[in-house]
Amino acid sequence: QVQLVESGGGLVQAGDSLRLSCAASGRTFTNYVMGWFRQAPGKERRFVAIISWSGGNRIYADSVKGRFTVSRDNAKNTVDLQMNTLKPEDTAVYYCAAGAKYTVLVGEYSYWGQGIQVTVSS
């Protein structure tokens, strides 16, 4: 089992920045690809960014490329999502997830955090 706890969400204005953090506990952190996903009201959960086991590779959704940066600290068992130039369409519940495969597919992630709300006002 892996337990994931997100923090850092909140209400910001368009153009602002926000940093989400996810703390992992349980099994060996470096065994897992880590991902950030988000779900807006009435929409399905979608991938935002993933980072490989060592942190050497990343994939971003087109909608956040150039604005968001995912990073991980394997010594601290944490994964962060730095979000810059936020837009109202970034409003969603953001989830941290852990999976065994380097994939953006939501269904391939076995462990999920409880989610954290990010609201961007125009």
C-alpha atoms as a PDB file:
ATOM      1  CA  GLN A   1       0.000   0.000   0.000  1.00  0.00           C
ATOM      2  CA  VAL A   2       1.035   3.558  -0.697  1.00  0.00           C
ATOM      3  CA  GLN A   3      -0.577   6.474   1.074  1.00  0.00           C
ATOM      4  CA  LEU A   4      -0.608   9.824  -0.687  1.00  0.00           C
ATOM      5  CA  VAL A   5      -1.529  13.161   0.833  1.00  0.00           C
ATOM      6  CA  GLU A   6      -1.792  16.341  -1.222  1.00  0.00           C
ATOM      7  CA  SER A   7      -1.375  19.867   0.075  1.00  0.00           C
ATOM      8  CA  GLY A   8      -1.080  23.400  -1.248  1.00  0.00           C
ATOM      9  CA  GLY A   9      -4.352  23.967  -3.043  1.00  0.00           C
ATOM     10  CA  GLY A  10      -6.525  27.024  -2.734  1.00  0.00           C
ATOM     11  CA  LEU A  11      -8.157  29.998  -4.423  1.00  0.00           C
ATOM     12  CA  VAL A  12      -6.005  32.225  -6.615  1.00  0.00           C
ATOM     13  CA  GLN A  13      -6.490  34.753  -9.370  1.00  0.00           C
ATOM     14  CA  ALA A  14      -5.722  34.227 -13.039  1.00  0.00           C
ATOM     15  CA  GLY A  15      -2.018  34.701 -13.674  1.00  0.00           C
ATOM     16  CA  ASP A  16      -1.003  33.663 -10.177  1.00  0.00           C
ATOM     17  CA  SER A  17       1.156  30.713  -9.201  1.00  0.00           C
ATOM     18  CA  LEU A  18       0.504  27.820  -6.861  1.00  0.00           C
ATOM     19  CA  ARG A  19       2.571  24.851  -5.756  1.00  0.00           C
ATOM     20  CA  LEU A  20       1.012  21.508  -4.927  1.00  0.00           C
ATOM     21  CA  SER A  21       2.858  18.925  -2.892  1.00  0.00           C
ATOM     22  CA  CYS A  22       2.210  15.244  -2.388  1.00  0.00           C
ATOM     23  CA  ALA A  23       3.750  13.256   0.453  1.00  0.00           C
ATOM     24  CA  ALA A  24       3.996   9.496   0.027  1.00  0.00           C
ATOM     25  CA  SER A  25       4.358   6.815   2.660  1.00  0.00           C
ATOM     26  CA  GLY A  26       4.265   3.055   2.678  1.00  0.00           C
ATOM     27  CA  ARG A  27       6.134   1.121   0.035  1.00  0.00           C
ATOM     28  CA  THR A  28       9.379   2.174  -1.626  1.00  0.00           C
ATOM     29  CA  PHE A  29       8.751   5.509  -3.322  1.00  0.00           C
ATOM     30  CA  THR A  30      11.224   4.913  -6.143  1.00  0.00           C
ATOM     31  CA  ASN A  31       9.237   1.861  -7.260  1.00  0.00           C
ATOM     32  CA  TYR A  32       6.550   4.172  -8.613  1.00  0.00           C
ATOM     33  CA  VAL A  33       5.952   6.579 -11.399  1.00  0.00           C
ATOM     34  CA  MET A  34       4.198   9.588  -9.930  1.00  0.00           C
ATOM     35  CA  GLY A  35       1.489  11.554 -11.623  1.00  0.00           C
ATOM     36  CA  TRP A  36      -0.726  14.554 -11.192  1.00  0.00           C
ATOM     37  CA  PHE A  37      -4.247  14.374 -12.534  1.00  0.00           C
ATOM     38  CA  ARG A  38      -7.217  16.707 -12.309  1.00  0.00           C
ATOM     39  CA  GLN A  39     -10.956  16.518 -12.511  1.00  0.00           C
ATOM     40  CA  ALA A  40     -13.206  19.466 -13.226  1.00  0.00           C
ATOM     41  CA  PRO A  41     -16.911  19.373 -12.314  1.00  0.00           C
ATOM     42  CA  GLY A  42     -18.839  17.208 -14.718  1.00  0.00           C
ATOM     43  CA  LYS A  43     -15.721  16.015 -16.517  1.00  0.00           C
ATOM     44  CA  GLU A  44     -13.604  12.899 -16.391  1.00  0.00           C
ATOM     45  CA  ARG A  45     -10.288  12.757 -14.605  1.00  0.00           C
ATOM     46  CA  ARG A  46      -7.383  13.654 -16.892  1.00  0.00           C
ATOM     47  CA  PHE A  47      -3.657  13.529 -16.649  1.00  0.00           C
ATOM     48  CA  VAL A  48      -1.736  16.723 -16.045  1.00  0.00           C
ATOM     49  CA  ALA A  49       1.862  15.578 -15.641  1.00  0.00           C
ATOM     50  CA  ILE A  50       3.823  12.449 -14.835  1.00  0.00           C
ATOM     51  CA  ILE A  51       7.387  11.909 -13.735  1.00  0.00           C
ATOM     52  CA  SER A  52       9.483   8.774 -13.995  1.00  0.00           C
ATOM     53  CA  TRP A  53      10.946   6.752 -11.148  1.00  0.00           C
ATOM     54  CA  SER A  54      14.234   8.670 -11.007  1.00  0.00           C
ATOM     55  CA  GLY A  55      12.732  11.980 -12.084  1.00  0.00           C
ATOM     56  CA  GLY A  56      14.677  12.044 -15.332  1.00  0.00           C
ATOM     57  CA  ASN A  57      11.655  11.953 -17.609  1.00  0.00           C
ATOM     58  CA  ARG A  58       8.408  13.899 -17.605  1.00  0.00           C
ATOM     59  CA  ILE A  59       5.309  14.180 -19.728  1.00  0.00           C
ATOM     60  CA  TYR A  60       2.901  17.104 -19.660  1.00  0.00           C
ATOM     61  CA  ALA A  61      -0.575  17.571 -21.006  1.00  0.00           C
ATOM     62  CA  ASP A  62      -0.616  20.065 -23.857  1.00  0.00           C
ATOM     63  CA  SER A  63      -2.885  22.359 -21.859  1.00  0.00           C
ATOM     64  CA  VAL A  64      -0.254  22.889 -19.146  1.00  0.00           C
ATOM     65  CA  LYS A  65       2.991  22.558 -21.085  1.00  0.00           C
ATOM     66  CA  GLY A  66       5.261  25.525 -20.440  1.00  0.00           C
ATOM     67  CA  ARG A  67       3.275  26.590 -17.360  1.00  0.00           C
ATOM     68  CA  PHE A  68       3.452  23.604 -15.003  1.00  0.00           C
ATOM     69  CA  THR A  69       6.512  21.755 -13.744  1.00  0.00           C
ATOM     70  CA  VAL A  70       6.480  18.395 -11.984  1.00  0.00           C
ATOM     71  CA  SER A  71       9.377  17.363  -9.742  1.00  0.00           C
ATOM     72  CA  ARG A  72      10.100  14.696  -7.181  1.00  0.00           C
ATOM     73  CA  ASP A  73      12.428  14.325  -4.225  1.00  0.00           C
ATOM     74  CA  ASN A  74      13.140  10.655  -3.693  1.00  0.00           C
ATOM     75  CA  ALA A  75      14.948  11.350  -0.432  1.00  0.00           C
ATOM     76  CA  LYS A  76      11.836  12.995   1.020  1.00  0.00           C
ATOM     77  CA  ASN A  77       9.219  10.844  -0.769  1.00  0.00           C
ATOM     78  CA  THR A  78       7.514  13.869  -2.220  1.00  0.00           C
ATOM     79  CA  VAL A  79       6.306  14.967  -5.626  1.00  0.00           C
ATOM     80  CA  ASP A  80       5.427  18.573  -6.402  1.00  0.00           C
ATOM     81  CA  LEU A  81       3.539  20.400  -9.109  1.00  0.00           C
ATOM     82  CA  GLN A  82       4.546  24.012  -9.660  1.00  0.00           C
ATOM     83  CA  MET A  83       1.751  25.793 -11.472  1.00  0.00           C
ATOM     84  CA  ASN A  84       2.442  29.173 -13.039  1.00  0.00           C
ATOM     85  CA  THR A  85       0.287  31.560 -15.059  1.00  0.00           C
ATOM     86  CA  LEU A  86      -2.846  29.864 -13.842  1.00  0.00           C
ATOM     87  CA  LYS A  87      -6.016  30.160 -15.882  1.00  0.00           C
ATOM     88  CA  PRO A  88      -9.674  29.750 -14.878  1.00  0.00           C
ATOM     89  CA  GLU A  89      -9.767  26.543 -16.926  1.00  0.00           C
ATOM     90  CA  ASP A  90      -7.186  25.071 -14.546  1.00  0.00           C
ATOM     91  CA  THR A  91      -9.879  24.997 -11.862  1.00  0.00           C
ATOM     92  CA  ALA A  92     -10.312  21.399 -10.723  1.00  0.00           C
ATOM     93  CA  VAL A  93      -9.660  18.904  -7.988  1.00  0.00           C
ATOM     94  CA  TYR A  94      -6.044  17.816  -8.353  1.00  0.00           C
ATOM     95  CA  TYR A  95      -4.962  14.287  -7.493  1.00  0.00           C
ATOM     96  CA  CYS A  96      -1.566  12.793  -6.862  1.00  0.00           C
ATOM     97  CA  ALA A  97      -1.182   9.191  -7.981  1.00  0.00           C
ATOM     98  CA  ALA A  98       1.378   6.394  -7.969  1.00  0.00           C
ATOM     99  CA  GLY A  99       1.695   3.641 -10.540  1.00  0.00           C
ATOM    100  CA  ALA A 100       4.068   0.972 -11.739  1.00  0.00           C
ATOM    101  CA  LYS A 101       4.105   2.000 -15.398  1.00  0.00           C
ATOM    102  CA  TYR A 102       5.332   5.127 -17.151  1.00  0.00           C
ATOM    103  CA  THR A 103       1.982   6.000 -18.688  1.00  0.00           C
ATOM    104  CA  VAL A 104      -0.537   8.853 -18.751  1.00  0.00           C
ATOM    105  CA  LEU A 105      -3.481   6.466 -18.572  1.00  0.00           C
ATOM    106  CA  VAL A 106      -5.572   7.136 -15.462  1.00  0.00           C
ATOM    107  CA  GLY A 107      -6.538   3.503 -15.090  1.00  0.00           C
ATOM    108  CA  GLU A 108      -2.927   2.349 -14.745  1.00  0.00           C
ATOM    109  CA  TYR A 109      -2.408   4.179 -11.453  1.00  0.00           C
ATOM    110  CA  SER A 110      -3.073   2.062  -8.386  1.00  0.00           C
ATOM    111  CA  TYR A 111      -2.801   4.564  -5.584  1.00  0.00           C
ATOM    112  CA  TRP A 112      -4.471   7.928  -5.263  1.00  0.00           C
ATOM    113  CA  GLY A 113      -4.526  10.817  -2.859  1.00  0.00           C
ATOM    114  CA  GLN A 114      -7.767  12.287  -1.595  1.00  0.00           C
ATOM    115  CA  GLY A 115      -7.564  15.231  -3.988  1.00  0.00           C
ATOM    116  CA  ILE A 116      -7.203  18.933  -3.376  1.00  0.00           C
ATOM    117  CA  GLN A 117      -9.192  21.822  -4.780  1.00  0.00           C
ATOM    118  CA  VAL A 118      -7.565  24.462  -6.963  1.00  0.00           C
ATOM    119  CA  THR A 119      -9.787  27.363  -7.974  1.00  0.00           C
ATOM    120  CA  VAL A 120      -8.635  30.085 -10.338  1.00  0.00           C
ATOM    121  CA  SER A 121     -10.804  33.173 -10.560  1.00  0.00           C
ATOM    122  CA  SER A 122     -10.846  35.417 -13.615  1.00  0.00           C
END
